[in-house]
């Protein structure tokens, strides 16, 4: 299924350097988007990638050695780094997960999920100033990837979610609400959409805690 959507907005008035959200149009699809490199891979390699995708989440300890081996053979396959980072995170080895993410950005600098993963680490550490750098001061997918007119739903949801959380954390609620509005329209059941919605609409207990602690 393919949808055409429009996301619109305006630059963050608190910073002239930020190219926030502009009027753009692109297709959002649930069909797999495969680049030329991936399509040329042998079928047995594609099967292994698909298997390791699930193994990294369900059997991380077992998946890690095989992922490392495959990365040596296929260093230009960015999904493998992402799976390895997920596996390390599942094992509680966050430092190794971040190191793999950094390696992924060095090897495949245009891979969106590597940027998103690194942004998540920065959000956790409250290093908010690094977020614009990670995304070249572009807060719109089509500005970030001007040659692309089509994005997978998971790319859109995770990008919009990270951006929304970032703007929320720097106290630009107006921009955070724009991302949230878009996510609630196209994919309200996705985890990232729920995370952003909770940030903007915390339950009574969270609101009370924030009022008492100032956090």
N, C-alpha and C. Protein backbone atom coordinates (compact mmCIF):
# COMPACT_ATOMS: atom_id res chain seq x y z
N UNK A 1 0.85 -1.19 0.00
CA UNK A 1 0.00 0.00 0.00
C UNK A 1 0.88 1.24 0.00
N UNK A 2 0.56 2.20 -0.83
CA UNK A 2 1.31 3.44 -0.93
C UNK A 2 0.38 4.62 -0.65
N UNK A 3 0.86 5.55 0.15
CA UNK A 3 0.07 6.73 0.47
C UNK A 3 0.85 7.97 0.06
N UNK A 4 0.13 9.00 -0.34
CA UNK A 4 0.75 10.29 -0.58
C UNK A 4 0.37 11.20 0.58
N UNK A 5 1.38 11.78 1.19
CA UNK A 5 1.13 12.65 2.33
C UNK A 5 1.91 13.94 2.18
N UNK A 6 1.45 14.95 2.89
CA UNK A 6 2.15 16.24 2.90
C UNK A 6 2.46 16.56 4.36
N UNK A 7 3.70 16.95 4.61
CA UNK A 7 4.06 17.43 5.94
C UNK A 7 4.50 18.88 5.79
N UNK A 8 4.00 19.75 6.61
CA UNK A 8 4.33 21.17 6.45
C UNK A 8 4.66 21.79 7.78
N UNK A 9 5.32 22.92 7.71
CA UNK A 9 5.67 23.60 8.95
C UNK A 9 6.50 24.82 8.64
N UNK A 10 7.30 25.27 9.61
CA UNK A 10 8.13 26.45 9.42
C UNK A 10 9.39 26.31 10.24
N UNK A 11 10.44 27.07 9.94
CA UNK A 11 11.67 26.95 10.69
C UNK A 11 11.48 27.28 12.17
N UNK A 12 12.32 26.70 12.99
CA UNK A 12 12.30 26.99 14.42
C UNK A 12 12.75 28.43 14.63
N UNK A 13 11.90 29.30 15.17
CA UNK A 13 12.26 30.70 15.33
C UNK A 13 13.36 30.94 16.34
N UNK A 14 13.70 29.93 17.16
CA UNK A 14 14.72 30.12 18.18
C UNK A 14 16.13 29.97 17.63
N UNK A 15 16.28 29.51 16.37
CA UNK A 15 17.61 29.32 15.82
C UNK A 15 17.60 29.52 14.32
N UNK A 16 18.41 30.46 13.83
CA UNK A 16 18.49 30.71 12.40
C UNK A 16 19.16 29.57 11.67
N UNK A 17 19.94 28.73 12.38
CA UNK A 17 20.71 27.67 11.72
C UNK A 17 19.87 26.44 11.43
N UNK A 18 18.70 26.35 12.05
CA UNK A 18 17.87 25.17 11.88
C UNK A 18 16.98 25.30 10.65
N UNK A 19 17.09 24.32 9.77
CA UNK A 19 16.15 24.22 8.66
C UNK A 19 15.11 23.20 9.09
N UNK A 20 14.07 23.63 9.71
CA UNK A 20 13.14 22.70 10.33
C UNK A 20 12.25 22.06 9.28
N UNK A 21 10.97 22.21 9.36
CA UNK A 21 10.07 21.50 8.46
C UNK A 21 9.50 22.46 7.44
N UNK A 22 9.69 22.19 6.18
CA UNK A 22 9.15 22.98 5.11
C UNK A 22 8.05 22.19 4.40
N UNK A 23 7.31 22.85 3.55
CA UNK A 23 6.27 22.18 2.79
C UNK A 23 6.92 21.20 1.82
N UNK A 24 6.63 19.93 1.96
CA UNK A 24 7.21 18.91 1.09
C UNK A 24 6.15 17.88 0.76
N UNK A 25 6.43 17.12 -0.29
CA UNK A 25 5.51 16.06 -0.67
C UNK A 25 6.32 14.83 -1.07
N UNK A 26 5.94 13.69 -0.53
CA UNK A 26 6.59 12.44 -0.93
C UNK A 26 5.66 11.29 -0.66
N UNK A 27 5.99 10.17 -1.24
CA UNK A 27 5.18 8.97 -1.06
C UNK A 27 5.65 8.19 0.16
N UNK A 28 4.69 7.63 0.86
CA UNK A 28 4.98 6.76 2.00
C UNK A 28 4.44 5.38 1.66
N UNK A 29 5.28 4.37 1.77
CA UNK A 29 4.86 3.03 1.38
C UNK A 29 5.15 2.01 2.48
N UNK A 30 4.39 0.94 2.47
CA UNK A 30 4.65 -0.18 3.36
C UNK A 30 5.39 -1.30 2.63
N UNK A 31 5.60 -1.12 1.33
CA UNK A 31 6.36 -2.10 0.55
C UNK A 31 7.86 -1.91 0.81
N UNK A 32 8.64 -3.00 0.79
CA UNK A 32 10.09 -2.87 1.00
C UNK A 32 10.73 -1.96 -0.04
N UNK A 33 11.68 -1.15 0.42
CA UNK A 33 12.46 -0.30 -0.48
C UNK A 33 13.89 -0.82 -0.47
N UNK A 34 14.33 -1.37 -1.57
CA UNK A 34 15.64 -1.99 -1.65
C UNK A 34 16.52 -1.22 -2.62
N UNK A 35 17.76 -0.92 -2.19
CA UNK A 35 18.67 -0.20 -3.09
C UNK A 35 19.30 -1.17 -4.09
N UNK A 36 20.06 -0.61 -5.03
CA UNK A 36 20.65 -1.42 -6.09
C UNK A 36 21.63 -2.45 -5.53
N UNK A 37 22.38 -2.05 -4.51
CA UNK A 37 23.37 -2.97 -3.92
C UNK A 37 22.69 -4.19 -3.33
N UNK A 38 21.61 -3.96 -2.60
CA UNK A 38 20.90 -5.07 -1.98
C UNK A 38 20.27 -5.98 -3.03
N UNK A 39 19.69 -5.40 -4.05
CA UNK A 39 19.03 -6.20 -5.08
C UNK A 39 20.00 -7.11 -5.82
N UNK A 40 21.27 -6.73 -5.89
CA UNK A 40 22.26 -7.53 -6.60
C UNK A 40 22.84 -8.66 -5.75
N UNK A 41 22.51 -8.69 -4.48
CA UNK A 41 23.04 -9.74 -3.60
C UNK A 41 22.44 -11.10 -3.95
N UNK A 42 23.20 -12.18 -3.72
CA UNK A 42 22.66 -13.52 -3.93
C UNK A 42 21.47 -13.77 -3.01
N UNK A 43 20.58 -14.63 -3.42
CA UNK A 43 19.37 -14.90 -2.64
C UNK A 43 19.68 -15.46 -1.27
N UNK A 44 20.73 -16.29 -1.16
CA UNK A 44 21.04 -16.86 0.15
C UNK A 44 21.51 -15.80 1.14
N UNK A 45 22.14 -14.74 0.61
CA UNK A 45 22.56 -13.63 1.48
C UNK A 45 21.33 -12.84 1.94
N UNK A 46 20.40 -12.59 1.03
CA UNK A 46 19.17 -11.89 1.39
C UNK A 46 18.40 -12.69 2.45
N UNK A 47 18.37 -14.01 2.29
CA UNK A 47 17.68 -14.85 3.27
C UNK A 47 18.35 -14.74 4.64
N UNK A 48 19.69 -14.68 4.64
CA UNK A 48 20.42 -14.57 5.90
C UNK A 48 20.14 -13.23 6.57
N UNK A 49 20.07 -12.17 5.76
CA UNK A 49 19.77 -10.84 6.30
C UNK A 49 18.39 -10.82 6.95
N UNK A 50 17.42 -11.43 6.26
CA UNK A 50 16.07 -11.47 6.81
C UNK A 50 16.03 -12.26 8.12
N UNK A 51 16.75 -13.38 8.15
CA UNK A 51 16.77 -14.21 9.36
C UNK A 51 17.44 -13.47 10.51
N UNK A 52 18.54 -12.78 10.23
CA UNK A 52 19.27 -12.08 11.28
C UNK A 52 18.50 -10.87 11.79
N UNK A 53 17.63 -10.32 10.95
CA UNK A 53 16.77 -9.23 11.38
C UNK A 53 15.96 -9.66 12.62
N UNK A 54 15.37 -10.82 12.55
CA UNK A 54 14.57 -11.32 13.67
C UNK A 54 15.44 -11.89 14.79
N UNK A 55 16.53 -12.53 14.42
CA UNK A 55 17.41 -13.13 15.44
C UNK A 55 18.04 -12.05 16.32
N UNK A 56 18.33 -10.89 15.75
CA UNK A 56 18.94 -9.81 16.53
C UNK A 56 18.02 -9.36 17.66
N UNK A 57 16.72 -9.54 17.48
CA UNK A 57 15.75 -9.14 18.49
C UNK A 57 15.37 -10.27 19.44
N UNK A 58 15.35 -11.49 18.91
CA UNK A 58 14.86 -12.62 19.71
C UNK A 58 15.97 -13.48 20.29
N UNK A 59 17.12 -13.56 19.60
CA UNK A 59 18.24 -14.37 20.06
C UNK A 59 19.54 -13.59 19.87
N UNK A 60 19.66 -12.45 20.57
CA UNK A 60 20.80 -11.56 20.31
C UNK A 60 22.16 -12.20 20.55
N UNK A 61 22.30 -12.99 21.59
CA UNK A 61 23.61 -13.60 21.89
C UNK A 61 24.06 -14.51 20.75
N UNK A 62 23.13 -15.26 20.20
CA UNK A 62 23.45 -16.17 19.10
C UNK A 62 23.68 -15.41 17.80
N UNK A 63 23.00 -14.30 17.62
CA UNK A 63 23.08 -13.55 16.36
C UNK A 63 24.37 -12.75 16.23
N UNK A 64 24.94 -12.30 17.34
CA UNK A 64 26.09 -11.39 17.30
C UNK A 64 27.28 -11.94 16.51
N UNK A 65 27.75 -13.17 16.77
CA UNK A 65 28.92 -13.67 16.00
C UNK A 65 28.64 -13.74 14.50
N UNK A 66 27.47 -14.16 14.11
CA UNK A 66 27.15 -14.25 12.69
C UNK A 66 27.06 -12.87 12.05
N UNK A 67 26.51 -11.92 12.78
CA UNK A 67 26.42 -10.56 12.26
C UNK A 67 27.81 -9.96 12.04
N UNK A 68 28.71 -10.18 12.99
CA UNK A 68 30.07 -9.68 12.85
C UNK A 68 30.73 -10.26 11.60
N UNK A 69 30.54 -11.54 11.39
CA UNK A 69 31.13 -12.21 10.23
C UNK A 69 30.56 -11.65 8.94
N UNK A 70 29.25 -11.44 8.91
CA UNK A 70 28.63 -10.92 7.70
C UNK A 70 29.05 -9.48 7.42
N UNK A 71 29.27 -8.70 8.46
CA UNK A 71 29.71 -7.32 8.28
C UNK A 71 31.10 -7.29 7.63
N UNK A 72 31.95 -8.23 8.00
CA UNK A 72 33.27 -8.32 7.37
C UNK A 72 33.14 -8.62 5.88
N UNK A 73 32.15 -9.44 5.53
CA UNK A 73 31.96 -9.82 4.14
C UNK A 73 31.21 -8.75 3.34
N UNK A 74 30.28 -8.07 4.02
CA UNK A 74 29.41 -7.10 3.32
C UNK A 74 29.38 -5.78 4.11
N UNK A 75 30.52 -5.07 4.15
CA UNK A 75 30.58 -3.82 4.94
C UNK A 75 29.69 -2.71 4.41
N UNK A 76 29.23 -2.83 3.16
CA UNK A 76 28.37 -1.80 2.59
C UNK A 76 26.89 -2.10 2.77
N UNK A 77 26.59 -3.11 3.58
CA UNK A 77 25.20 -3.46 3.85
C UNK A 77 24.81 -2.89 5.21
N UNK A 78 24.23 -1.69 5.24
CA UNK A 78 24.03 -0.98 6.51
C UNK A 78 23.07 -1.67 7.47
N UNK A 79 22.13 -2.47 6.94
CA UNK A 79 21.18 -3.14 7.82
C UNK A 79 21.90 -4.01 8.85
N UNK A 80 23.03 -4.59 8.46
CA UNK A 80 23.74 -5.50 9.36
C UNK A 80 24.24 -4.78 10.60
N UNK A 81 24.73 -3.56 10.43
CA UNK A 81 25.18 -2.77 11.58
C UNK A 81 24.01 -2.46 12.50
N UNK A 82 22.89 -2.14 11.88
CA UNK A 82 21.69 -1.84 12.67
C UNK A 82 21.26 -3.05 13.49
N UNK A 83 21.28 -4.23 12.86
CA UNK A 83 20.89 -5.45 13.57
C UNK A 83 21.87 -5.75 14.71
N UNK A 84 23.17 -5.51 14.45
CA UNK A 84 24.17 -5.77 15.49
C UNK A 84 23.99 -4.82 16.67
N UNK A 85 23.68 -3.57 16.38
CA UNK A 85 23.43 -2.61 17.46
C UNK A 85 22.21 -3.02 18.28
N UNK A 86 21.18 -3.50 17.59
CA UNK A 86 19.98 -3.98 18.28
C UNK A 86 20.32 -5.17 19.16
N UNK A 87 21.13 -6.09 18.64
CA UNK A 87 21.51 -7.28 19.41
C UNK A 87 22.30 -6.89 20.66
N UNK A 88 23.25 -5.98 20.52
CA UNK A 88 24.03 -5.54 21.68
C UNK A 88 23.12 -4.86 22.70
N UNK A 89 22.19 -4.04 22.22
CA UNK A 89 21.25 -3.39 23.13
C UNK A 89 20.43 -4.42 23.88
N UNK A 90 20.00 -5.46 23.17
CA UNK A 90 19.24 -6.53 23.81
C UNK A 90 20.02 -7.27 24.88
N UNK A 91 21.35 -7.25 24.74
CA UNK A 91 22.22 -7.88 25.74
C UNK A 91 22.60 -6.91 26.86
N UNK A 92 22.12 -5.68 26.74
CA UNK A 92 22.45 -4.68 27.75
C UNK A 92 23.81 -4.04 27.56
N UNK A 93 24.46 -4.29 26.43
CA UNK A 93 25.79 -3.74 26.15
C UNK A 93 25.63 -2.46 25.32
N UNK A 94 25.21 -1.41 25.98
CA UNK A 94 24.86 -0.17 25.30
C UNK A 94 26.08 0.50 24.68
N UNK A 95 27.22 0.43 25.37
CA UNK A 95 28.43 1.03 24.82
C UNK A 95 28.81 0.42 23.48
N UNK A 96 28.72 -0.90 23.40
CA UNK A 96 29.02 -1.58 22.14
C UNK A 96 27.99 -1.24 21.07
N UNK A 97 26.74 -1.12 21.48
CA UNK A 97 25.69 -0.76 20.52
C UNK A 97 25.97 0.61 19.92
N UNK A 98 26.39 1.56 20.75
CA UNK A 98 26.69 2.89 20.22
C UNK A 98 27.92 2.87 19.33
N UNK A 99 28.93 2.08 19.71
CA UNK A 99 30.15 1.98 18.89
C UNK A 99 29.82 1.44 17.50
N UNK A 100 28.94 0.44 17.44
CA UNK A 100 28.53 -0.12 16.16
C UNK A 100 27.77 0.93 15.35
N UNK A 101 26.93 1.69 16.02
CA UNK A 101 26.17 2.74 15.34
C UNK A 101 27.10 3.79 14.74
N UNK A 102 28.11 4.18 15.47
CA UNK A 102 29.08 5.14 14.95
C UNK A 102 29.82 4.57 13.74
N UNK A 103 30.18 3.28 13.85
CA UNK A 103 30.87 2.63 12.73
C UNK A 103 29.96 2.59 11.50
N UNK A 104 28.69 2.37 11.73
CA UNK A 104 27.72 2.33 10.63
C UNK A 104 27.66 3.67 9.91
N UNK A 105 27.66 4.76 10.67
CA UNK A 105 27.60 6.10 10.07
C UNK A 105 28.86 6.36 9.26
N UNK A 106 30.02 5.91 9.76
CA UNK A 106 31.26 6.11 9.01
C UNK A 106 31.25 5.33 7.70
N UNK A 107 30.76 4.10 7.74
CA UNK A 107 30.77 3.25 6.55
C UNK A 107 29.65 3.61 5.57
N UNK A 108 28.50 3.97 6.12
CA UNK A 108 27.32 4.24 5.29
C UNK A 108 26.67 5.53 5.78
N UNK A 109 27.28 6.68 5.51
CA UNK A 109 26.82 7.94 6.11
C UNK A 109 25.41 8.36 5.73
N UNK A 110 24.88 7.84 4.63
CA UNK A 110 23.52 8.23 4.21
C UNK A 110 22.44 7.32 4.77
N UNK A 111 22.81 6.31 5.54
CA UNK A 111 21.81 5.36 6.04
C UNK A 111 21.01 6.01 7.16
N UNK A 112 19.73 6.19 6.94
CA UNK A 112 18.89 6.93 7.87
C UNK A 112 18.84 6.31 9.25
N UNK A 113 18.71 4.98 9.33
CA UNK A 113 18.53 4.35 10.64
C UNK A 113 19.79 4.45 11.50
N UNK A 114 20.96 4.53 10.88
CA UNK A 114 22.17 4.76 11.66
C UNK A 114 22.12 6.14 12.32
N UNK A 115 21.69 7.13 11.56
CA UNK A 115 21.55 8.48 12.12
C UNK A 115 20.51 8.50 13.24
N UNK A 116 19.40 7.83 13.00
CA UNK A 116 18.33 7.81 14.01
C UNK A 116 18.80 7.11 15.28
N UNK A 117 19.53 6.01 15.14
CA UNK A 117 20.02 5.29 16.31
C UNK A 117 20.98 6.16 17.13
N UNK A 118 21.87 6.86 16.41
CA UNK A 118 22.81 7.74 17.12
C UNK A 118 22.06 8.89 17.80
N UNK A 119 21.04 9.40 17.13
CA UNK A 119 20.24 10.47 17.72
C UNK A 119 19.56 10.00 19.01
N UNK A 120 19.14 8.74 19.03
CA UNK A 120 18.51 8.19 20.24
C UNK A 120 19.50 8.19 21.40
N UNK A 121 20.75 7.81 21.13
CA UNK A 121 21.76 7.84 22.19
C UNK A 121 21.95 9.25 22.70
N UNK A 122 21.97 10.21 21.80
CA UNK A 122 22.14 11.61 22.20
C UNK A 122 20.95 12.11 23.01
N UNK A 123 19.75 11.71 22.64
CA UNK A 123 18.56 12.10 23.40
C UNK A 123 18.62 11.53 24.81
N UNK A 124 19.05 10.27 24.93
CA UNK A 124 19.16 9.64 26.24
C UNK A 124 20.12 10.41 27.14
N UNK A 125 21.24 10.87 26.55
CA UNK A 125 22.25 11.60 27.33
C UNK A 125 21.94 13.09 27.44
N UNK A 126 20.81 13.50 26.86
CA UNK A 126 20.40 14.91 26.87
C UNK A 126 21.39 15.80 26.11
N UNK A 127 22.04 15.23 25.12
CA UNK A 127 22.96 15.99 24.28
C UNK A 127 22.18 16.54 23.07
N UNK A 128 21.26 17.40 23.36
CA UNK A 128 20.32 17.85 22.34
C UNK A 128 20.98 18.66 21.23
N UNK A 129 22.06 19.34 21.55
CA UNK A 129 22.73 20.18 20.54
C UNK A 129 23.32 19.34 19.41
N UNK A 130 23.51 18.06 19.63
CA UNK A 130 24.09 17.21 18.59
C UNK A 130 23.07 16.77 17.53
N UNK A 131 21.79 16.86 17.87
CA UNK A 131 20.76 16.36 16.95
C UNK A 131 20.79 17.10 15.61
N UNK A 132 20.82 18.43 15.58
CA UNK A 132 20.89 19.11 14.27
C UNK A 132 22.10 18.68 13.45
N UNK A 133 23.24 18.45 14.11
CA UNK A 133 24.45 18.05 13.40
C UNK A 133 24.26 16.69 12.72
N UNK A 134 23.62 15.77 13.42
CA UNK A 134 23.43 14.42 12.89
C UNK A 134 22.65 14.46 11.59
N UNK A 135 21.69 15.37 11.51
CA UNK A 135 20.80 15.44 10.35
C UNK A 135 21.10 16.65 9.45
N UNK A 136 22.34 17.14 9.52
CA UNK A 136 22.78 18.24 8.65
C UNK A 136 21.86 19.45 8.74
N UNK A 137 21.31 19.69 9.93
CA UNK A 137 20.40 20.81 10.16
C UNK A 137 19.15 20.75 9.29
N UNK A 138 18.76 19.56 8.91
CA UNK A 138 17.55 19.37 8.10
C UNK A 138 16.58 18.49 8.88
N UNK A 139 15.38 19.00 9.06
CA UNK A 139 14.39 18.31 9.87
C UNK A 139 13.21 17.84 9.03
N UNK A 140 13.46 17.59 7.78
CA UNK A 140 12.45 17.11 6.85
C UNK A 140 13.13 16.04 5.99
N UNK A 141 12.48 14.92 5.79
CA UNK A 141 13.11 13.82 5.06
C UNK A 141 13.49 14.20 3.64
N UNK A 142 12.66 14.97 2.98
CA UNK A 142 12.97 15.29 1.60
C UNK A 142 14.10 16.32 1.49
N UNK A 143 14.26 17.15 2.49
CA UNK A 143 15.42 18.03 2.53
C UNK A 143 16.69 17.23 2.80
N UNK A 144 16.57 16.21 3.64
CA UNK A 144 17.71 15.38 3.99
C UNK A 144 18.12 14.48 2.83
N UNK A 145 17.12 13.99 2.10
CA UNK A 145 17.36 13.10 0.95
C UNK A 145 16.63 13.66 -0.27
N UNK A 146 17.17 14.73 -0.87
CA UNK A 146 16.44 15.43 -1.95
C UNK A 146 16.21 14.60 -3.20
N UNK A 147 16.99 13.55 -3.40
CA UNK A 147 16.82 12.72 -4.60
C UNK A 147 15.76 11.65 -4.43
N UNK A 148 15.26 11.50 -3.22
CA UNK A 148 14.26 10.47 -2.96
C UNK A 148 12.86 11.08 -2.93
N UNK A 149 11.92 10.38 -3.53
CA UNK A 149 10.51 10.80 -3.51
C UNK A 149 9.64 9.77 -2.80
N UNK A 150 10.25 8.73 -2.29
CA UNK A 150 9.49 7.62 -1.70
C UNK A 150 10.22 7.13 -0.45
N UNK A 151 9.48 6.97 0.63
CA UNK A 151 10.07 6.52 1.89
C UNK A 151 9.20 5.42 2.49
N UNK A 152 9.87 4.51 3.20
CA UNK A 152 9.12 3.46 3.87
C UNK A 152 8.47 4.02 5.13
N UNK A 153 7.35 3.44 5.52
CA UNK A 153 6.61 3.93 6.68
C UNK A 153 7.47 3.94 7.94
N UNK A 154 8.35 2.95 8.11
CA UNK A 154 9.20 2.91 9.30
C UNK A 154 10.23 4.04 9.29
N UNK A 155 10.69 4.42 8.11
CA UNK A 155 11.61 5.56 8.02
C UNK A 155 10.91 6.83 8.46
N UNK A 156 9.71 7.03 7.95
CA UNK A 156 8.96 8.24 8.25
C UNK A 156 8.60 8.31 9.73
N UNK A 157 8.07 7.22 10.26
CA UNK A 157 7.62 7.22 11.65
C UNK A 157 8.78 7.46 12.61
N UNK A 158 9.89 6.77 12.40
CA UNK A 158 11.01 6.92 13.33
C UNK A 158 11.67 8.29 13.20
N UNK A 159 11.76 8.80 11.98
CA UNK A 159 12.33 10.13 11.79
C UNK A 159 11.45 11.19 12.45
N UNK A 160 10.14 11.15 12.16
CA UNK A 160 9.23 12.13 12.73
C UNK A 160 9.18 12.02 14.26
N UNK A 161 9.26 10.80 14.77
CA UNK A 161 9.23 10.61 16.21
C UNK A 161 10.45 11.21 16.89
N UNK A 162 11.62 10.93 16.34
CA UNK A 162 12.85 11.49 16.91
C UNK A 162 12.84 13.01 16.84
N UNK A 163 12.38 13.55 15.70
CA UNK A 163 12.33 15.00 15.57
C UNK A 163 11.35 15.61 16.57
N UNK A 164 10.20 14.97 16.72
CA UNK A 164 9.21 15.47 17.66
C UNK A 164 9.73 15.47 19.08
N UNK A 165 10.40 14.38 19.48
CA UNK A 165 10.96 14.30 20.83
C UNK A 165 12.05 15.35 21.02
N UNK A 166 12.88 15.52 19.99
CA UNK A 166 13.93 16.54 20.07
C UNK A 166 13.33 17.92 20.32
N UNK A 167 12.34 18.31 19.52
CA UNK A 167 11.76 19.63 19.69
C UNK A 167 11.06 19.76 21.04
N UNK A 168 10.46 18.68 21.51
CA UNK A 168 9.84 18.71 22.83
C UNK A 168 10.89 18.98 23.90
N UNK A 169 12.03 18.29 23.80
CA UNK A 169 13.06 18.42 24.82
C UNK A 169 13.73 19.78 24.82
N UNK A 170 13.74 20.48 23.69
CA UNK A 170 14.32 21.83 23.67
C UNK A 170 13.23 22.88 23.88
N UNK A 171 12.06 22.41 24.32
CA UNK A 171 10.95 23.29 24.71
C UNK A 171 10.33 24.04 23.55
N UNK A 172 10.33 23.41 22.39
CA UNK A 172 9.60 23.96 21.24
C UNK A 172 8.38 23.07 21.02
N UNK A 173 7.40 23.27 21.86
CA UNK A 173 6.23 22.40 21.82
C UNK A 173 5.45 22.54 20.51
N UNK A 174 5.44 23.73 19.95
CA UNK A 174 4.70 23.94 18.71
C UNK A 174 5.19 23.00 17.60
N UNK A 175 6.51 22.91 17.45
CA UNK A 175 7.07 22.03 16.42
C UNK A 175 6.83 20.57 16.79
N UNK A 176 6.97 20.22 18.07
CA UNK A 176 6.73 18.85 18.50
C UNK A 176 5.30 18.42 18.18
N UNK A 177 4.37 19.34 18.38
CA UNK A 177 2.95 19.04 18.09
C UNK A 177 2.73 18.80 16.60
N UNK A 178 3.47 19.50 15.74
CA UNK A 178 3.31 19.29 14.29
C UNK A 178 3.71 17.87 13.91
N UNK A 179 4.85 17.41 14.43
CA UNK A 179 5.27 16.04 14.14
C UNK A 179 4.28 15.03 14.71
N UNK A 180 3.80 15.31 15.91
CA UNK A 180 2.85 14.40 16.55
C UNK A 180 1.55 14.32 15.76
N UNK A 181 1.07 15.45 15.30
CA UNK A 181 -0.17 15.47 14.52
C UNK A 181 -0.05 14.60 13.27
N UNK A 182 1.08 14.71 12.61
CA UNK A 182 1.31 13.92 11.41
C UNK A 182 1.37 12.43 11.74
N UNK A 183 2.10 12.08 12.81
CA UNK A 183 2.22 10.67 13.18
C UNK A 183 0.88 10.08 13.60
N UNK A 184 0.09 10.82 14.33
CA UNK A 184 -1.20 10.30 14.76
C UNK A 184 -2.14 10.10 13.58
N UNK A 185 -1.89 10.82 12.50
CA UNK A 185 -2.71 10.65 11.31
C UNK A 185 -2.33 9.40 10.53
N UNK A 186 -1.01 9.15 10.38
CA UNK A 186 -0.60 8.06 9.48
C UNK A 186 -0.28 6.76 10.19
N UNK A 187 0.17 6.82 11.47
CA UNK A 187 0.63 5.57 12.10
C UNK A 187 0.54 5.65 13.61
N UNK A 188 -0.67 5.85 14.17
CA UNK A 188 -0.79 6.03 15.61
C UNK A 188 -0.40 4.82 16.45
N UNK A 189 -0.39 3.63 15.84
CA UNK A 189 -0.09 2.42 16.60
C UNK A 189 1.39 2.08 16.65
N UNK A 190 2.21 2.81 15.93
CA UNK A 190 3.65 2.55 15.96
C UNK A 190 4.24 3.04 17.28
N UNK A 191 5.26 2.32 17.75
CA UNK A 191 5.86 2.62 19.05
C UNK A 191 6.33 4.07 19.14
N UNK A 192 7.02 4.55 18.11
CA UNK A 192 7.54 5.91 18.16
C UNK A 192 6.42 6.94 18.22
N UNK A 193 5.34 6.69 17.51
CA UNK A 193 4.19 7.60 17.57
C UNK A 193 3.61 7.63 18.98
N UNK A 194 3.56 6.48 19.63
CA UNK A 194 3.05 6.41 21.00
C UNK A 194 3.99 7.13 21.97
N UNK A 195 5.30 6.99 21.74
CA UNK A 195 6.28 7.66 22.61
C UNK A 195 6.11 9.17 22.56
N UNK A 196 6.00 9.69 21.36
CA UNK A 196 5.85 11.15 21.23
C UNK A 196 4.53 11.61 21.83
N UNK A 197 3.47 10.87 21.61
CA UNK A 197 2.17 11.25 22.16
C UNK A 197 2.21 11.27 23.68
N UNK A 198 2.90 10.29 24.29
CA UNK A 198 3.01 10.27 25.75
C UNK A 198 3.80 11.47 26.26
N UNK A 199 4.82 11.87 25.50
CA UNK A 199 5.60 13.05 25.90
C UNK A 199 4.70 14.29 25.96
N UNK A 200 3.85 14.41 24.97
CA UNK A 200 3.02 15.60 24.85
C UNK A 200 1.75 15.53 25.69
N UNK A 201 1.30 14.31 25.99
CA UNK A 201 0.06 14.13 26.75
C UNK A 201 0.28 13.12 27.87
N UNK A 202 1.11 13.44 28.85
CA UNK A 202 1.38 12.48 29.93
C UNK A 202 0.14 12.22 30.77
N UNK A 203 0.11 11.04 31.40
CA UNK A 203 -1.04 10.72 32.25
C UNK A 203 -0.98 11.51 33.55
N UNK A 204 -2.01 11.37 34.36
CA UNK A 204 -2.13 12.18 35.58
C UNK A 204 -0.95 11.96 36.52
N UNK A 205 -0.50 10.70 36.68
CA UNK A 205 0.61 10.41 37.59
C UNK A 205 1.88 11.11 37.14
N UNK A 206 2.16 11.08 35.84
CA UNK A 206 3.37 11.71 35.33
C UNK A 206 3.28 13.22 35.49
N UNK A 207 2.10 13.79 35.23
CA UNK A 207 1.94 15.24 35.39
C UNK A 207 2.16 15.65 36.83
N UNK A 208 1.66 14.87 37.77
CA UNK A 208 1.84 15.17 39.19
C UNK A 208 3.31 15.09 39.58
N UNK A 209 4.00 14.05 39.09
CA UNK A 209 5.41 13.90 39.39
C UNK A 209 6.22 15.07 38.84
N UNK A 210 5.90 15.48 37.63
CA UNK A 210 6.61 16.61 37.03
C UNK A 210 6.37 17.88 37.82
N UNK A 211 5.13 18.05 38.30
CA UNK A 211 4.81 19.25 39.06
C UNK A 211 5.56 19.28 40.37
N UNK A 212 5.74 18.11 41.00
CA UNK A 212 6.39 18.04 42.30
C UNK A 212 7.90 18.11 42.18
N UNK A 213 8.44 17.52 41.13
CA UNK A 213 9.89 17.43 40.99
C UNK A 213 10.48 18.47 40.05
N UNK A 214 9.64 19.03 39.21
CA UNK A 214 10.12 19.98 38.22
C UNK A 214 10.85 19.32 37.07
N UNK A 215 10.74 17.98 36.94
CA UNK A 215 11.42 17.23 35.87
C UNK A 215 10.43 16.89 34.78
